[in-house]
Amino acid sequence: TPPNQFSRPPLASDGCVVLANPDLERIIRTV
C-alpha cells in the first residue's frame, strides 16, 4: 500500500491482491 494508507478497502485495486506493507514484507521474505 502507499505510505499514507495502511490498508485499502476490500474492493479497491485494479485487479491485484493488496496487503498492508508489513504483511507483504513477511510474504516476500518467506515465499
All heavy atoms as atom14 arrays in JSON, in Angstrom:
{
  "sequence": "TPPNQFSRPPLASDGCVVLANPDLERIIRTV",
  "atom14_mask": [
    [1, 1, 1, 1, 1, 1, 1, 0, 0, 0, 0, 0, 0, 0],
    [1, 1, 1, 1, 1, 1, 1, 0, 0, 0, 0, 0, 0, 0],
    [1, 1, 1, 1, 1, 1, 1, 0, 0, 0, 0, 0, 0, 0],
    [1, 1, 1, 1, 1, 1, 1, 1, 0, 0, 0, 0, 0, 0],
    [1, 1, 1, 1, 1, 1, 1, 1, 1, 0, 0, 0, 0, 0],
    [1, 1, 1, 1, 1, 1, 1, 1, 1, 1, 1, 0, 0, 0],
    [1, 1, 1, 1, 1, 1, 0, 0, 0, 0, 0, 0, 0, 0],
    [1, 1, 1, 1, 1, 1, 1, 1, 1, 1, 1, 0, 0, 0],
    [1, 1, 1, 1, 1, 1, 1, 0, 0, 0, 0, 0, 0, 0],
    [1, 1, 1, 1, 1, 1, 1, 0, 0, 0, 0, 0, 0, 0],
    [1, 1, 1, 1, 1, 1, 1, 1, 0, 0, 0, 0, 0, 0],
    [1, 1, 1, 1, 1, 0, 0, 0, 0, 0, 0, 0, 0, 0],
    [1, 1, 1, 1, 1, 1, 0, 0, 0, 0, 0, 0, 0, 0],
    [1, 1, 1, 1, 1, 1, 1, 1, 0, 0, 0, 0, 0, 0],
    [1, 1, 1, 1, 0, 0, 0, 0, 0, 0, 0, 0, 0, 0],
    [1, 1, 1, 1, 1, 1, 0, 0, 0, 0, 0, 0, 0, 0],
    [1, 1, 1, 1, 1, 1, 1, 0, 0, 0, 0, 0, 0, 0],
    [1, 1, 1, 1, 1, 1, 1, 0, 0, 0, 0, 0, 0, 0],
    [1, 1, 1, 1, 1, 1, 1, 1, 0, 0, 0, 0, 0, 0],
    [1, 1, 1, 1, 1, 0, 0, 0, 0, 0, 0, 0, 0, 0],
    [1, 1, 1, 1, 1, 1, 1, 1, 0, 0, 0, 0, 0, 0],
    [1, 1, 1, 1, 1, 1, 1, 0, 0, 0, 0, 0, 0, 0],
    [1, 1, 1, 1, 1, 1, 1, 1, 0, 0, 0, 0, 0, 0],
    [1, 1, 1, 1, 1, 1, 1, 1, 0, 0, 0, 0, 0, 0],
    [1, 1, 1, 1, 1, 1, 1, 1, 1, 0, 0, 0, 0, 0],
    [1, 1, 1, 1, 1, 1, 1, 1, 1, 1, 1, 0, 0, 0],
    [1, 1, 1, 1, 1, 1, 1, 1, 0, 0, 0, 0, 0, 0],
    [1, 1, 1, 1, 1, 1, 1, 1, 0, 0, 0, 0, 0, 0],
    [1, 1, 1, 1, 1, 1, 1, 1, 1, 1, 1, 0, 0, 0],
    [1, 1, 1, 1, 1, 1, 1, 0, 0, 0, 0, 0, 0, 0],
    [1, 1, 1, 1, 1, 1, 1, 0, 0, 0, 0, 0, 0, 0]
  ],
  "atom14_positions": [
    [[0.82, -1.21, 0.0], [0.0, 0.0, 0.0], [0.86, 1.26, 0.0], [2.02, 1.23, 0.41], [-0.92, 0.03, 1.24], [-0.11, -0.08, 2.42], [-1.91, -1.12, 1.2], [0.0, 0.0, 0.0], [0.0, 0.0, 0.0], [0.0, 0.0, 0.0], [0.0, 0.0, 0.0], [0.0, 0.0, 0.0], [0.0, 0.0, 0.0], [0.0, 0.0, 0.0]],
    [[0.27, 2.38, -0.42], [1.02, 3.65, -0.41], [1.38, 4.06, 1.03], [0.76, 3.59, 1.99], [0.03, 4.64, -1.02], [-1.0, 3.81, -1.72], [-1.09, 2.52, -0.96], [0.0, 0.0, 0.0], [0.0, 0.0, 0.0], [0.0, 0.0, 0.0], [0.0, 0.0, 0.0], [0.0, 0.0, 0.0], [0.0, 0.0, 0.0], [0.0, 0.0, 0.0]],
    [[2.35, 4.95, 1.18], [2.8, 5.36, 2.52], [1.69, 5.96, 3.38], [1.73, 5.85, 4.6], [3.89, 6.4, 2.22], [4.35, 6.09, 0.84], [3.15, 5.58, 0.11], [0.0, 0.0, 0.0], [0.0, 0.0, 0.0], [0.0, 0.0, 0.0], [0.0, 0.0, 0.0], [0.0, 0.0, 0.0], [0.0, 0.0, 0.0], [0.0, 0.0, 0.0]],
    [[0.71, 6.6, 2.76], [-0.34, 7.28, 3.54], [-1.56, 6.41, 3.78], [-2.6, 6.9, 4.21], [-0.76, 8.56, 2.82], [-1.38, 8.29, 1.46], [-1.25, 7.19, 0.94], [-2.03, 9.28, 0.88], [0.0, 0.0, 0.0], [0.0, 0.0, 0.0], [0.0, 0.0, 0.0], [0.0, 0.0, 0.0], [0.0, 0.0, 0.0], [0.0, 0.0, 0.0]],
    [[-1.47, 5.1, 3.51], [-2.63, 4.23, 3.64], [-2.18, 2.87, 4.15], [-1.57, 2.09, 3.42], [-3.34, 4.1, 2.28], [-4.75, 3.58, 2.36], [-5.46, 3.67, 1.01], [-4.84, 3.79, -0.04], [-6.77, 3.6, 1.04], [0.0, 0.0, 0.0], [0.0, 0.0, 0.0], [0.0, 0.0, 0.0], [0.0, 0.0, 0.0], [0.0, 0.0, 0.0]],
    [[-2.48, 2.56, 5.4], [-2.04, 1.3, 5.98], [-2.69, 0.12, 5.27], [-2.05, -0.88, 4.98], [-2.36, 1.24, 7.48], [-1.89, -0.03, 8.13], [-0.56, -0.21, 8.45], [-2.79, -1.05, 8.4], [-0.13, -1.4, 9.03], [-2.37, -2.24, 8.97], [-1.03, -2.41, 9.29], [0.0, 0.0, 0.0], [0.0, 0.0, 0.0], [0.0, 0.0, 0.0]],
    [[-4.0, 0.22, 5.01], [-4.71, -0.82, 4.28], [-5.72, -0.15, 3.36], [-6.05, 1.03, 3.53], [-5.42, -1.78, 5.23], [-6.35, -1.1, 6.05], [0.0, 0.0, 0.0], [0.0, 0.0, 0.0], [0.0, 0.0, 0.0], [0.0, 0.0, 0.0], [0.0, 0.0, 0.0], [0.0, 0.0, 0.0], [0.0, 0.0, 0.0], [0.0, 0.0, 0.0]],
    [[-6.21, -0.92, 2.39], [-7.19, -0.38, 1.44], [-8.53, -1.08, 1.62], [-8.59, -2.16, 2.24], [-6.65, -0.55, 0.02], [-5.37, 0.28, -0.22], [-4.76, 0.01, -1.57], [-5.61, 0.5, -2.66], [-5.33, 0.31, -3.95], [-4.24, -0.36, -4.3], [-6.13, 0.79, -4.88], [0.0, 0.0, 0.0], [0.0, 0.0, 0.0], [0.0, 0.0, 0.0]],
    [[-9.62, -0.51, 1.12], [-10.93, -1.15, 1.26], [-10.95, -2.54, 0.63], [-10.09, -2.87, -0.19], [-11.87, -0.18, 0.52], [-11.16, 1.13, 0.53], [-9.7, 0.8, 0.44], [0.0, 0.0, 0.0], [0.0, 0.0, 0.0], [0.0, 0.0, 0.0], [0.0, 0.0, 0.0], [0.0, 0.0, 0.0], [0.0, 0.0, 0.0], [0.0, 0.0, 0.0]],
    [[-11.93, -3.37, 0.98], [-11.98, -4.73, 0.44], [-11.98, -4.78, -1.09], [-11.34, -5.66, -1.68], [-13.3, -5.28, 1.0], [-13.5, -4.52, 2.27], [-12.97, -3.14, 2.0], [0.0, 0.0, 0.0], [0.0, 0.0, 0.0], [0.0, 0.0, 0.0], [0.0, 0.0, 0.0], [0.0, 0.0, 0.0], [0.0, 0.0, 0.0], [0.0, 0.0, 0.0]],
    [[-12.68, -3.84, -1.73], [-12.71, -3.77, -3.2], [-12.05, -2.46, -3.6], [-12.68, -1.4, -3.59], [-14.15, -3.82, -3.72], [-14.99, -5.03, -3.28], [-16.41, -4.92, -3.83], [-14.35, -6.35, -3.7], [0.0, 0.0, 0.0], [0.0, 0.0, 0.0], [0.0, 0.0, 0.0], [0.0, 0.0, 0.0], [0.0, 0.0, 0.0], [0.0, 0.0, 0.0]],
    [[-10.77, -2.51, -3.96], [-10.04, -1.25, -4.14], [-9.02, -1.26, -5.26], [-8.62, -0.19, -5.73], [-9.34, -0.88, -2.83], [0.0, 0.0, 0.0], [0.0, 0.0, 0.0], [0.0, 0.0, 0.0], [0.0, 0.0, 0.0], [0.0, 0.0, 0.0], [0.0, 0.0, 0.0], [0.0, 0.0, 0.0], [0.0, 0.0, 0.0], [0.0, 0.0, 0.0]],
    [[-8.56, -2.42, -5.71], [-7.45, -2.46, -6.66], [-7.97, -2.51, -8.1], [-9.16, -2.6, -8.35], [-6.55, -3.66, -6.38], [-7.15, -4.86, -6.87], [0.0, 0.0, 0.0], [0.0, 0.0, 0.0], [0.0, 0.0, 0.0], [0.0, 0.0, 0.0], [0.0, 0.0, 0.0], [0.0, 0.0, 0.0], [0.0, 0.0, 0.0], [0.0, 0.0, 0.0]],
    [[-7.03, -2.48, -9.04], [-7.38, -2.66, -10.45], [-7.35, -4.13, -10.86], [-7.44, -4.46, -12.04], [-6.41, -1.86, -11.34], [-6.67, -0.36, -11.25], [-7.82, 0.03, -11.0], [-5.71, 0.42, -11.44], [0.0, 0.0, 0.0], [0.0, 0.0, 0.0], [0.0, 0.0, 0.0], [0.0, 0.0, 0.0], [0.0, 0.0, 0.0], [0.0, 0.0, 0.0]],
    [[-7.23, -5.01, -9.87], [-7.21, -6.45, -10.12], [-6.19, -7.19, -9.3], [-6.23, -8.41, -9.19], [0.0, 0.0, 0.0], [0.0, 0.0, 0.0], [0.0, 0.0, 0.0], [0.0, 0.0, 0.0], [0.0, 0.0, 0.0], [0.0, 0.0, 0.0], [0.0, 0.0, 0.0], [0.0, 0.0, 0.0], [0.0, 0.0, 0.0], [0.0, 0.0, 0.0]],
    [[-5.26, -6.45, -8.7], [-4.22, -7.07, -7.88], [-4.77, -7.46, -6.51], [-5.86, -7.05, -6.11], [-3.05, -6.11, -7.71], [-2.15, -5.76, -9.24], [0.0, 0.0, 0.0], [0.0, 0.0, 0.0], [0.0, 0.0, 0.0], [0.0, 0.0, 0.0], [0.0, 0.0, 0.0], [0.0, 0.0, 0.0], [0.0, 0.0, 0.0], [0.0, 0.0, 0.0]],
    [[-3.97, -8.25, -5.79], [-4.24, -8.58, -4.39], [-3.33, -7.68, -3.55], [-2.11, -7.72, -3.7], [-3.95, -10.06, -4.1], [-4.1, -10.37, -2.61], [-4.87, -10.95, -4.93], [0.0, 0.0, 0.0], [0.0, 0.0, 0.0], [0.0, 0.0, 0.0], [0.0, 0.0, 0.0], [0.0, 0.0, 0.0], [0.0, 0.0, 0.0], [0.0, 0.0, 0.0]],
    [[-3.93, -6.87, -2.68], [-3.19, -5.84, -1.96], [-3.17, -6.14, -0.47], [-4.22, -6.42, 0.13], [-3.79, -4.44, -2.21], [-2.97, -3.37, -1.51], [-3.86, -4.16, -3.72], [0.0, 0.0, 0.0], [0.0, 0.0, 0.0], [0.0, 0.0, 0.0], [0.0, 0.0, 0.0], [0.0, 0.0, 0.0], [0.0, 0.0, 0.0], [0.0, 0.0, 0.0]],
    [[-1.98, -6.07, 0.13], [-1.81, -6.31, 1.55], [-1.19, -5.08, 2.22], [-0.54, -4.26, 1.56], [-0.88, -7.5, 1.81], [-1.25, -8.86, 1.26], [-0.58, -9.1, -0.08], [-0.86, -9.96, 2.23], [0.0, 0.0, 0.0], [0.0, 0.0, 0.0], [0.0, 0.0, 0.0], [0.0, 0.0, 0.0], [0.0, 0.0, 0.0], [0.0, 0.0, 0.0]],
    [[-1.36, -4.97, 3.53], [-0.61, -3.98, 4.3], [0.87, -4.28, 4.14], [1.28, -5.44, 4.02], [-1.01, -4.04, 5.77], [0.0, 0.0, 0.0], [0.0, 0.0, 0.0], [0.0, 0.0, 0.0], [0.0, 0.0, 0.0], [0.0, 0.0, 0.0], [0.0, 0.0, 0.0], [0.0, 0.0, 0.0], [0.0, 0.0, 0.0], [0.0, 0.0, 0.0]],
    [[1.69, -3.26, 4.14], [3.12, -3.44, 3.86], [3.82, -4.42, 4.8], [4.61, -5.25, 4.32], [3.83, -2.08, 3.87], [3.46, -1.24, 2.66], [3.31, -1.77, 1.55], [3.3, 0.05, 2.84], [0.0, 0.0, 0.0], [0.0, 0.0, 0.0], [0.0, 0.0, 0.0], [0.0, 0.0, 0.0], [0.0, 0.0, 0.0], [0.0, 0.0, 0.0]],
    [[3.59, -4.37, 6.13], [4.26, -5.36, 6.98], [3.89, -6.8, 6.62], [4.73, -7.69, 6.69], [3.77, -5.0, 8.39], [3.34, -3.58, 8.3], [2.79, -3.42, 6.93], [0.0, 0.0, 0.0], [0.0, 0.0, 0.0], [0.0, 0.0, 0.0], [0.0, 0.0, 0.0], [0.0, 0.0, 0.0], [0.0, 0.0, 0.0], [0.0, 0.0, 0.0]],
    [[2.64, -7.01, 6.23], [2.2, -8.35, 5.85], [2.85, -8.79, 4.55], [3.3, -9.94, 4.42], [0.67, -8.39, 5.72], [-0.04, -7.94, 6.99], [0.61, -7.94, 8.05], [-1.23, -7.58, 6.91], [0.0, 0.0, 0.0], [0.0, 0.0, 0.0], [0.0, 0.0, 0.0], [0.0, 0.0, 0.0], [0.0, 0.0, 0.0], [0.0, 0.0, 0.0]],
    [[2.91, -7.89, 3.58], [3.56, -8.21, 2.31], [5.05, -8.5, 2.52], [5.6, -9.43, 1.93], [3.4, -7.06, 1.32], [4.09, -7.3, -0.03], [3.36, -8.35, -0.84], [4.21, -6.01, -0.83], [0.0, 0.0, 0.0], [0.0, 0.0, 0.0], [0.0, 0.0, 0.0], [0.0, 0.0, 0.0], [0.0, 0.0, 0.0], [0.0, 0.0, 0.0]],
    [[5.68, -7.72, 3.38], [7.11, -7.92, 3.64], [7.37, -9.31, 4.19], [8.36, -9.96, 3.84], [7.61, -6.84, 4.6], [7.71, -5.46, 3.95], [7.79, -4.33, 4.96], [7.99, -4.62, 6.17], [7.65, -3.16, 4.56], [0.0, 0.0, 0.0], [0.0, 0.0, 0.0], [0.0, 0.0, 0.0], [0.0, 0.0, 0.0], [0.0, 0.0, 0.0]],
    [[6.49, -9.78, 5.08], [6.63, -11.14, 5.61], [6.54, -12.15, 4.47], [7.32, -13.1, 4.4], [5.53, -11.4, 6.64], [5.24, -12.89, 6.96], [6.32, -13.52, 7.81], [6.05, -14.94, 8.04], [5.23, -15.44, 8.96], [4.53, -14.62, 9.74], [5.1, -16.73, 9.11], [0.0, 0.0, 0.0], [0.0, 0.0, 0.0], [0.0, 0.0, 0.0]],
    [[5.59, -11.96, 3.58], [5.42, -12.9, 2.48], [6.63, -12.87, 1.54], [7.14, -13.9, 1.12], [4.12, -12.61, 1.72], [2.92, -12.95, 2.62], [4.04, -13.41, 0.42], [1.59, -12.55, 2.05], [0.0, 0.0, 0.0], [0.0, 0.0, 0.0], [0.0, 0.0, 0.0], [0.0, 0.0, 0.0], [0.0, 0.0, 0.0], [0.0, 0.0, 0.0]],
    [[7.11, -11.66, 1.23], [8.28, -11.53, 0.35], [9.49, -12.23, 0.96], [10.26, -12.9, 0.26], [8.58, -10.04, 0.08], [7.52, -9.45, -0.86], [9.98, -9.88, -0.53], [7.67, -7.96, -1.08], [0.0, 0.0, 0.0], [0.0, 0.0, 0.0], [0.0, 0.0, 0.0], [0.0, 0.0, 0.0], [0.0, 0.0, 0.0], [0.0, 0.0, 0.0]],
    [[9.66, -12.1, 2.28], [10.79, -12.75, 2.95], [10.64, -14.27, 2.98], [11.62, -15.0, 3.12], [10.91, -12.26, 4.39], [11.36, -10.83, 4.56], [11.77, -10.57, 6.01], [10.74, -10.93, 6.97], [9.79, -10.11, 7.41], [9.74, -8.87, 6.94], [8.9, -10.52, 8.3], [0.0, 0.0, 0.0], [0.0, 0.0, 0.0], [0.0, 0.0, 0.0]],
    [[9.42, -14.75, 2.85], [9.13, -16.17, 3.1], [9.06, -17.01, 1.84], [9.67, -18.08, 1.76], [7.8, -16.3, 3.87], [7.88, -15.55, 5.09], [7.48, -17.75, 4.17], [0.0, 0.0, 0.0], [0.0, 0.0, 0.0], [0.0, 0.0, 0.0], [0.0, 0.0, 0.0], [0.0, 0.0, 0.0], [0.0, 0.0, 0.0], [0.0, 0.0, 0.0]],
    [[8.31, -16.56, 0.83], [8.0, -17.44, -0.3], [9.1, -17.44, -1.35], [9.97, -16.57, -1.35], [6.65, -17.05, -0.94], [5.53, -17.08, 0.07], [6.73, -15.69, -1.62], [0.0, 0.0, 0.0], [0.0, 0.0, 0.0], [0.0, 0.0, 0.0], [0.0, 0.0, 0.0], [0.0, 0.0, 0.0], [0.0, 0.0, 0.0], [0.0, 0.0, 0.0]]
  ]
}
